[in-house]
N, C-alpha and C. Protein backbone atom coordinates (compact mmCIF):
# COMPACT_ATOMS: atom_id res chain seq x y z
N UNK A 1 4.10 15.45 -37.12
CA UNK A 1 3.17 14.71 -36.30
C UNK A 1 2.26 15.74 -35.56
N UNK A 2 0.99 15.56 -35.64
CA UNK A 2 -0.01 16.50 -35.05
C UNK A 2 -0.05 16.26 -33.54
N UNK A 3 -0.72 17.19 -32.83
CA UNK A 3 -0.78 17.12 -31.36
C UNK A 3 -1.51 15.85 -30.90
N UNK A 4 -2.56 15.47 -31.47
CA UNK A 4 -3.31 14.28 -30.97
C UNK A 4 -2.48 13.04 -31.29
N UNK A 5 -1.74 13.09 -32.38
CA UNK A 5 -0.93 11.86 -32.71
C UNK A 5 0.28 11.72 -31.65
N UNK A 6 0.77 12.89 -31.28
CA UNK A 6 1.86 12.87 -30.34
C UNK A 6 1.37 12.35 -28.98
N UNK A 7 0.15 12.84 -28.62
CA UNK A 7 -0.44 12.35 -27.36
C UNK A 7 -0.65 10.84 -27.42
N UNK A 8 -1.16 10.32 -28.49
CA UNK A 8 -1.47 8.89 -28.65
C UNK A 8 -0.16 8.14 -28.60
N UNK A 9 0.90 8.65 -29.24
CA UNK A 9 2.19 7.97 -29.19
C UNK A 9 2.75 7.96 -27.79
N UNK A 10 2.67 9.03 -27.09
CA UNK A 10 3.14 9.18 -25.75
C UNK A 10 2.39 8.16 -24.84
N UNK A 11 1.05 8.11 -25.00
CA UNK A 11 0.29 7.18 -24.20
C UNK A 11 0.79 5.75 -24.41
N UNK A 12 0.99 5.36 -25.64
CA UNK A 12 1.45 4.00 -25.93
C UNK A 12 2.89 3.80 -25.35
N UNK A 13 3.74 4.74 -25.45
CA UNK A 13 5.08 4.63 -24.78
C UNK A 13 5.03 4.51 -23.33
N UNK A 14 4.18 5.31 -22.72
CA UNK A 14 4.03 5.28 -21.26
C UNK A 14 3.50 3.96 -20.83
N UNK A 15 2.46 3.42 -21.60
CA UNK A 15 1.88 2.13 -21.25
C UNK A 15 2.95 1.03 -21.31
N UNK A 16 3.90 1.17 -22.37
CA UNK A 16 4.96 0.24 -22.45
C UNK A 16 5.95 0.34 -21.33
N UNK A 17 6.24 1.55 -20.84
CA UNK A 17 7.10 1.80 -19.70
C UNK A 17 6.54 1.12 -18.50
N UNK A 18 5.24 1.26 -18.25
CA UNK A 18 4.54 0.63 -17.13
C UNK A 18 4.65 -0.87 -17.20
N UNK A 19 4.50 -1.39 -18.40
CA UNK A 19 4.58 -2.87 -18.58
C UNK A 19 5.94 -3.34 -18.27
N UNK A 20 7.01 -2.60 -18.76
CA UNK A 20 8.35 -3.02 -18.46
C UNK A 20 8.69 -2.93 -16.94
N UNK A 21 8.27 -1.86 -16.33
CA UNK A 21 8.53 -1.70 -14.87
C UNK A 21 7.80 -2.81 -14.08
N UNK A 22 6.64 -3.28 -14.50
CA UNK A 22 5.94 -4.33 -13.86
C UNK A 22 6.65 -5.67 -14.03
N UNK A 23 7.32 -5.89 -15.21
CA UNK A 23 8.09 -7.03 -15.44
C UNK A 23 9.36 -7.05 -14.52
N UNK A 24 9.92 -5.91 -14.36
CA UNK A 24 11.07 -5.82 -13.49
C UNK A 24 10.68 -6.08 -12.08
N UNK A 25 9.48 -5.62 -11.64
CA UNK A 25 9.03 -5.91 -10.28
C UNK A 25 8.88 -7.47 -10.09
N UNK A 26 8.33 -8.12 -11.01
CA UNK A 26 8.24 -9.61 -10.92
C UNK A 26 9.63 -10.24 -10.93
N UNK A 27 10.44 -9.83 -11.82
CA UNK A 27 11.79 -10.44 -11.85
C UNK A 27 12.61 -10.23 -10.64
N UNK A 28 12.57 -9.01 -10.06
CA UNK A 28 13.30 -8.69 -8.81
C UNK A 28 12.71 -9.45 -7.64
N UNK A 29 11.38 -9.66 -7.65
CA UNK A 29 10.77 -10.44 -6.62
C UNK A 29 11.25 -11.85 -6.64
N UNK A 30 11.25 -12.44 -7.83
CA UNK A 30 11.68 -13.80 -7.97
C UNK A 30 13.16 -14.01 -7.56
N UNK A 31 14.00 -13.08 -8.05
CA UNK A 31 15.38 -13.15 -7.72
C UNK A 31 15.66 -12.92 -6.27
N UNK A 32 15.04 -11.98 -5.69
CA UNK A 32 15.23 -11.69 -4.25
C UNK A 32 14.84 -12.88 -3.41
N UNK A 33 13.76 -13.59 -3.90
CA UNK A 33 13.28 -14.73 -3.16
C UNK A 33 14.34 -15.90 -3.15
N UNK A 34 15.11 -16.00 -4.21
CA UNK A 34 16.12 -16.97 -4.28
C UNK A 34 17.50 -16.62 -3.74
N UNK A 35 17.70 -15.35 -3.48
CA UNK A 35 18.98 -14.84 -2.98
C UNK A 35 19.21 -15.30 -1.56
N UNK A 36 20.41 -15.78 -1.25
CA UNK A 36 20.76 -16.17 0.08
C UNK A 36 21.32 -15.04 0.90
N UNK A 37 21.91 -14.02 0.26
CA UNK A 37 22.50 -12.92 0.97
C UNK A 37 21.44 -11.86 1.26
N UNK A 38 21.38 -11.42 2.60
CA UNK A 38 20.36 -10.49 2.94
C UNK A 38 20.65 -9.12 2.34
N UNK A 39 21.85 -8.75 2.13
CA UNK A 39 22.20 -7.50 1.54
C UNK A 39 21.73 -7.42 0.04
N UNK A 40 21.95 -8.54 -0.63
CA UNK A 40 21.52 -8.60 -2.04
C UNK A 40 19.92 -8.51 -2.08
N UNK A 41 19.30 -9.18 -1.16
CA UNK A 41 17.78 -9.13 -1.04
C UNK A 41 17.34 -7.70 -0.87
N UNK A 42 17.97 -7.02 0.09
CA UNK A 42 17.53 -5.66 0.36
C UNK A 42 17.78 -4.72 -0.88
N UNK A 43 18.90 -4.92 -1.52
CA UNK A 43 19.18 -4.05 -2.68
C UNK A 43 18.17 -4.38 -3.81
N UNK A 44 17.88 -5.64 -4.03
CA UNK A 44 16.88 -5.99 -5.11
C UNK A 44 15.56 -5.48 -4.73
N UNK A 45 15.12 -5.51 -3.49
CA UNK A 45 13.89 -4.92 -3.04
C UNK A 45 13.86 -3.41 -3.26
N UNK A 46 14.98 -2.75 -3.10
CA UNK A 46 15.05 -1.32 -3.40
C UNK A 46 14.84 -1.00 -4.87
N UNK A 47 15.43 -1.87 -5.69
CA UNK A 47 15.20 -1.74 -7.10
C UNK A 47 13.73 -1.97 -7.44
N UNK A 48 13.20 -2.97 -6.83
CA UNK A 48 11.82 -3.29 -7.03
C UNK A 48 10.90 -2.14 -6.63
N UNK A 49 11.18 -1.54 -5.50
CA UNK A 49 10.43 -0.42 -5.05
C UNK A 49 10.50 0.72 -6.04
N UNK A 50 11.74 1.01 -6.61
CA UNK A 50 11.85 2.09 -7.61
C UNK A 50 11.00 1.79 -8.84
N UNK A 51 11.00 0.45 -9.23
CA UNK A 51 10.20 0.07 -10.36
C UNK A 51 8.73 0.33 -10.11
N UNK A 52 8.27 0.00 -8.84
CA UNK A 52 6.90 0.31 -8.50
C UNK A 52 6.62 1.83 -8.64
N UNK A 53 7.60 2.67 -8.12
CA UNK A 53 7.44 4.11 -8.22
C UNK A 53 7.42 4.53 -9.71
N UNK A 54 8.23 4.02 -10.55
CA UNK A 54 8.25 4.35 -11.90
C UNK A 54 6.94 3.90 -12.60
N UNK A 55 6.37 2.77 -12.26
CA UNK A 55 5.11 2.39 -12.79
C UNK A 55 4.01 3.35 -12.34
N UNK A 56 4.02 3.78 -11.06
CA UNK A 56 3.03 4.77 -10.53
C UNK A 56 3.19 6.13 -11.24
N UNK A 57 4.47 6.54 -11.44
CA UNK A 57 4.65 7.81 -12.14
C UNK A 57 4.16 7.67 -13.58
N UNK A 58 4.34 6.49 -14.15
CA UNK A 58 3.75 6.38 -15.53
C UNK A 58 2.24 6.43 -15.56
N UNK A 59 1.64 5.82 -14.51
CA UNK A 59 0.12 5.97 -14.37
C UNK A 59 -0.29 7.45 -14.18
N UNK A 60 0.50 8.17 -13.40
CA UNK A 60 0.19 9.63 -13.28
C UNK A 60 0.36 10.32 -14.59
N UNK A 61 1.38 9.96 -15.33
CA UNK A 61 1.56 10.62 -16.68
C UNK A 61 0.38 10.29 -17.60
N UNK A 62 -0.16 9.08 -17.53
CA UNK A 62 -1.38 8.74 -18.32
C UNK A 62 -2.55 9.69 -17.92
N UNK A 63 -2.72 9.82 -16.60
CA UNK A 63 -3.82 10.70 -16.17
C UNK A 63 -3.66 12.15 -16.82
N UNK A 64 -2.42 12.64 -16.72
CA UNK A 64 -2.17 13.95 -17.34
C UNK A 64 -2.48 13.94 -18.81
N UNK A 65 -1.95 12.92 -19.49
CA UNK A 65 -2.24 12.80 -20.95
C UNK A 65 -3.76 12.72 -21.23
N UNK A 66 -4.51 12.30 -20.35
CA UNK A 66 -5.91 12.10 -20.58
C UNK A 66 -6.72 13.31 -19.93
N UNK A 67 -5.94 14.30 -19.54
CA UNK A 67 -6.50 15.53 -19.01
C UNK A 67 -7.32 15.29 -17.80
N UNK A 68 -7.00 14.37 -16.94
CA UNK A 68 -7.74 14.17 -15.73
C UNK A 68 -7.24 15.11 -14.65
N UNK A 69 -8.17 15.60 -13.83
CA UNK A 69 -7.69 16.46 -12.76
C UNK A 69 -6.97 15.65 -11.68
N UNK A 70 -5.74 16.00 -11.33
CA UNK A 70 -4.91 15.28 -10.45
C UNK A 70 -5.14 15.65 -9.01
N UNK A 71 -5.13 16.90 -8.72
CA UNK A 71 -5.23 17.34 -7.31
C UNK A 71 -6.28 18.42 -7.18
N UNK A 72 -7.41 18.05 -6.58
CA UNK A 72 -8.48 19.04 -6.26
C UNK A 72 -8.16 19.79 -5.02
N UNK A 73 -9.12 20.65 -4.63
CA UNK A 73 -8.93 21.42 -3.45
C UNK A 73 -8.67 20.64 -2.21
N UNK A 74 -9.43 19.63 -1.98
CA UNK A 74 -9.25 18.87 -0.73
C UNK A 74 -7.92 18.04 -0.73
N UNK A 75 -7.59 17.52 -1.89
CA UNK A 75 -6.30 16.81 -2.00
C UNK A 75 -5.12 17.77 -1.80
N UNK A 76 -5.32 18.98 -2.32
CA UNK A 76 -4.18 19.94 -2.15
C UNK A 76 -3.98 20.32 -0.70
N UNK A 77 -5.11 20.44 0.12
CA UNK A 77 -4.95 20.70 1.49
C UNK A 77 -4.15 19.55 2.18
N UNK A 78 -4.57 18.36 1.89
CA UNK A 78 -3.94 17.22 2.51
C UNK A 78 -2.40 17.20 2.15
N UNK A 79 -2.12 17.43 0.81
CA UNK A 79 -0.76 17.46 0.34
C UNK A 79 -0.01 18.60 1.01
N UNK A 80 -0.65 19.71 1.25
CA UNK A 80 0.04 20.89 1.83
C UNK A 80 0.39 20.51 3.23
N UNK A 81 -0.49 19.85 3.99
CA UNK A 81 -0.19 19.49 5.32
C UNK A 81 0.92 18.49 5.36
N UNK A 82 0.92 17.53 4.45
CA UNK A 82 2.00 16.60 4.34
C UNK A 82 3.33 17.25 3.98
N UNK A 83 3.29 18.21 3.11
CA UNK A 83 4.51 18.97 2.71
C UNK A 83 5.11 19.64 3.91
N UNK A 84 4.31 20.26 4.70
CA UNK A 84 4.84 21.04 5.90
C UNK A 84 5.48 19.98 6.82
N UNK A 85 4.87 18.85 7.09
CA UNK A 85 5.40 17.91 8.02
C UNK A 85 6.71 17.24 7.42
N UNK A 86 6.64 17.08 6.13
CA UNK A 86 7.81 16.48 5.46
C UNK A 86 9.00 17.43 5.50
N UNK A 87 8.78 18.68 5.35
CA UNK A 87 9.87 19.76 5.51
C UNK A 87 10.55 19.63 6.84
N UNK A 88 9.74 19.49 7.88
CA UNK A 88 10.28 19.41 9.25
C UNK A 88 11.13 18.12 9.42
N UNK A 89 10.55 16.98 8.94
CA UNK A 89 11.20 15.79 9.08
C UNK A 89 12.53 15.74 8.19
N UNK A 90 12.44 16.37 7.10
CA UNK A 90 13.56 16.37 6.15
C UNK A 90 14.76 17.07 6.73
N UNK A 91 14.54 18.18 7.42
CA UNK A 91 15.61 18.92 8.02
C UNK A 91 16.43 18.03 8.98
N UNK A 92 15.73 17.28 9.86
CA UNK A 92 16.31 16.38 10.76
C UNK A 92 16.99 15.21 10.03
N UNK A 93 16.26 14.72 9.09
CA UNK A 93 16.78 13.55 8.34
C UNK A 93 18.11 13.92 7.62
N UNK A 94 18.18 15.07 7.01
CA UNK A 94 19.34 15.45 6.25
C UNK A 94 20.48 15.48 7.17
N UNK A 95 20.40 16.07 8.36
CA UNK A 95 21.51 16.20 9.38
C UNK A 95 21.92 14.75 9.78
N UNK A 96 20.96 13.88 10.02
CA UNK A 96 21.23 12.52 10.36
C UNK A 96 22.01 11.78 9.24
N UNK A 97 21.53 11.92 8.05
CA UNK A 97 22.18 11.21 6.95
C UNK A 97 23.58 11.78 6.72
N UNK A 98 23.74 13.07 6.93
CA UNK A 98 25.12 13.64 6.76
C UNK A 98 26.03 13.13 7.80
N UNK A 99 25.56 12.94 9.02
CA UNK A 99 26.46 12.38 10.08
C UNK A 99 26.69 10.93 9.86
N UNK A 100 25.70 10.16 9.34
CA UNK A 100 25.95 8.76 9.03
C UNK A 100 27.01 8.60 7.96
N UNK A 101 26.99 9.48 6.90
CA UNK A 101 28.00 9.41 5.90
C UNK A 101 29.38 9.74 6.42
N UNK A 102 29.45 10.68 7.37
CA UNK A 102 30.76 11.09 7.90
C UNK A 102 31.34 9.99 8.85
N UNK A 103 30.50 9.11 9.36
CA UNK A 103 30.99 8.10 10.25
C UNK A 103 31.54 6.77 9.57
N UNK A 104 31.51 6.82 8.21
CA UNK A 104 31.99 5.66 7.53
C UNK A 104 32.88 6.01 6.36
N UNK A 105 33.78 5.22 6.08
CA UNK A 105 34.71 5.33 4.88
C UNK A 105 34.30 4.31 3.84
N UNK A 106 33.33 3.48 4.11
CA UNK A 106 32.90 2.41 3.26
C UNK A 106 32.11 3.05 2.07
N UNK A 107 32.60 2.94 0.81
CA UNK A 107 31.96 3.51 -0.34
C UNK A 107 30.48 3.03 -0.46
N UNK A 108 30.23 1.76 -0.21
CA UNK A 108 28.89 1.21 -0.40
C UNK A 108 27.94 1.85 0.57
N UNK A 109 28.37 2.09 1.84
CA UNK A 109 27.44 2.71 2.76
C UNK A 109 27.29 4.19 2.43
N UNK A 110 28.30 4.87 2.02
CA UNK A 110 28.15 6.26 1.55
C UNK A 110 27.15 6.39 0.41
N UNK A 111 27.29 5.40 -0.51
CA UNK A 111 26.41 5.40 -1.62
C UNK A 111 24.94 5.19 -1.26
N UNK A 112 24.74 4.24 -0.33
CA UNK A 112 23.38 3.94 0.16
C UNK A 112 22.81 5.20 0.77
N UNK A 113 23.60 5.81 1.75
CA UNK A 113 23.06 6.96 2.42
C UNK A 113 22.77 8.15 1.44
N UNK A 114 23.63 8.31 0.42
CA UNK A 114 23.39 9.32 -0.56
C UNK A 114 22.11 9.09 -1.36
N UNK A 115 21.85 7.77 -1.73
CA UNK A 115 20.61 7.40 -2.41
C UNK A 115 19.42 7.73 -1.57
N UNK A 116 19.44 7.50 -0.35
CA UNK A 116 18.30 7.78 0.57
C UNK A 116 18.03 9.33 0.55
N UNK A 117 19.13 10.11 0.67
CA UNK A 117 18.99 11.51 0.64
C UNK A 117 18.40 12.04 -0.70
N UNK A 118 18.95 11.50 -1.74
CA UNK A 118 18.40 11.84 -3.08
C UNK A 118 16.88 11.61 -3.26
N UNK A 119 16.54 10.49 -2.73
CA UNK A 119 15.07 10.08 -2.76
C UNK A 119 14.28 11.10 -2.01
N UNK A 120 14.80 11.50 -0.80
CA UNK A 120 14.07 12.44 0.05
C UNK A 120 13.90 13.82 -0.66
N UNK A 121 14.94 14.21 -1.37
CA UNK A 121 14.89 15.44 -2.15
C UNK A 121 13.81 15.35 -3.22
N UNK A 122 13.77 14.16 -3.90
CA UNK A 122 12.81 13.90 -4.89
C UNK A 122 11.33 13.93 -4.33
N UNK A 123 11.12 13.31 -3.22
CA UNK A 123 9.86 13.24 -2.57
C UNK A 123 9.35 14.75 -2.25
N UNK A 124 10.32 15.53 -1.79
CA UNK A 124 9.93 16.94 -1.42
C UNK A 124 9.53 17.68 -2.68
N UNK A 125 10.34 17.49 -3.76
CA UNK A 125 10.07 18.17 -5.06
C UNK A 125 8.68 17.69 -5.65
N UNK A 126 8.32 16.46 -5.44
CA UNK A 126 7.12 15.99 -6.01
C UNK A 126 5.97 16.54 -5.26
N UNK A 127 6.10 16.61 -3.88
CA UNK A 127 4.94 17.33 -3.07
C UNK A 127 4.92 18.76 -3.42
N UNK A 128 6.05 19.44 -3.61
CA UNK A 128 6.02 20.88 -3.91
C UNK A 128 5.36 21.04 -5.23
N UNK A 129 5.64 20.20 -6.22
CA UNK A 129 4.99 20.30 -7.52
C UNK A 129 3.50 20.20 -7.45
N UNK A 130 2.99 19.22 -6.59
CA UNK A 130 1.60 19.12 -6.48
C UNK A 130 0.99 20.43 -5.91
N UNK A 131 1.70 21.12 -5.22
CA UNK A 131 1.18 22.39 -4.62
C UNK A 131 1.33 23.63 -5.58
N UNK A 132 2.33 23.59 -6.34
CA UNK A 132 2.60 24.85 -7.08
C UNK A 132 2.16 24.80 -8.54
N UNK A 133 2.05 23.59 -9.17
CA UNK A 133 1.74 23.48 -10.55
C UNK A 133 0.23 23.18 -10.63
N UNK A 134 -0.31 23.56 -11.76
CA UNK A 134 -1.80 23.34 -11.95
C UNK A 134 -1.91 22.07 -12.79
N UNK A 135 -2.71 21.20 -12.31
CA UNK A 135 -3.07 19.98 -13.08
C UNK A 135 -4.53 20.01 -13.40
N UNK A 136 -4.86 20.49 -14.61
CA UNK A 136 -6.24 20.65 -15.00
C UNK A 136 -6.42 20.08 -16.42
N UNK A 137 -7.65 20.06 -16.78
CA UNK A 137 -8.00 19.55 -18.11
C UNK A 137 -7.44 20.36 -19.26
N UNK A 138 -7.41 21.65 -19.04
CA UNK A 138 -6.90 22.50 -20.08
C UNK A 138 -5.38 22.55 -20.08
N UNK A 139 -4.75 22.04 -21.19
CA UNK A 139 -3.32 21.84 -21.19
C UNK A 139 -2.60 23.18 -21.19
N UNK A 140 -3.26 24.21 -21.60
CA UNK A 140 -2.57 25.55 -21.59
C UNK A 140 -2.34 26.14 -20.18
N UNK A 141 -3.16 25.57 -19.23
CA UNK A 141 -3.01 26.08 -17.85
C UNK A 141 -1.94 25.47 -16.97
N UNK A 142 -1.35 24.38 -17.47
CA UNK A 142 -0.35 23.81 -16.66
C UNK A 142 0.89 23.46 -17.42
N UNK A 143 2.00 23.93 -16.97
CA UNK A 143 3.27 23.58 -17.65
C UNK A 143 3.39 23.79 -19.13
N UNK A 144 2.51 24.63 -19.70
CA UNK A 144 2.44 24.81 -21.16
C UNK A 144 1.74 23.68 -21.81
N UNK A 145 1.57 23.73 -23.09
CA UNK A 145 0.95 22.64 -23.88
C UNK A 145 1.80 21.48 -23.89
N UNK A 146 1.18 20.30 -24.12
CA UNK A 146 1.93 19.11 -24.29
C UNK A 146 2.62 18.96 -25.55
N UNK A 147 2.29 19.74 -26.56
CA UNK A 147 2.98 19.65 -27.78
C UNK A 147 3.02 21.06 -28.41
N UNK A 148 3.98 21.28 -29.30
CA UNK A 148 4.12 22.61 -29.96
C UNK A 148 3.74 22.47 -31.39
N UNK A 149 2.75 23.30 -31.89
CA UNK A 149 2.36 23.24 -33.23
C UNK A 149 2.60 24.55 -33.93
């Protein structure tokens, strides 16, 4: 399979991923609306939120596949400022979550607190990536080529 064919296939697969995630969003919205238990509603909304995130990441992937510039100079400055603030908040947040986990023996609570911390690490990594990787039209300039020939 040639490079352009791979990109076309990837685009179609990513578009399908977005479609599936949007279906999950609708399904979890409907199910959460019918749920009587508030814990179930909250957990379903968390799944729904992740599906929104996955759809947005898919849209970002399409932008990269179409060689669109993702972060220009002005956006990078804004992201840099956010990254610095996020680092400060993250330090305090990590300590707080660690203490919260230590105050409970309930596996469900420990799991929830761990999920929050994992998401915070992912957020930080995403912001850091925007600052350190190049997102430009020339595929050789960022993360290597999209395909190997």
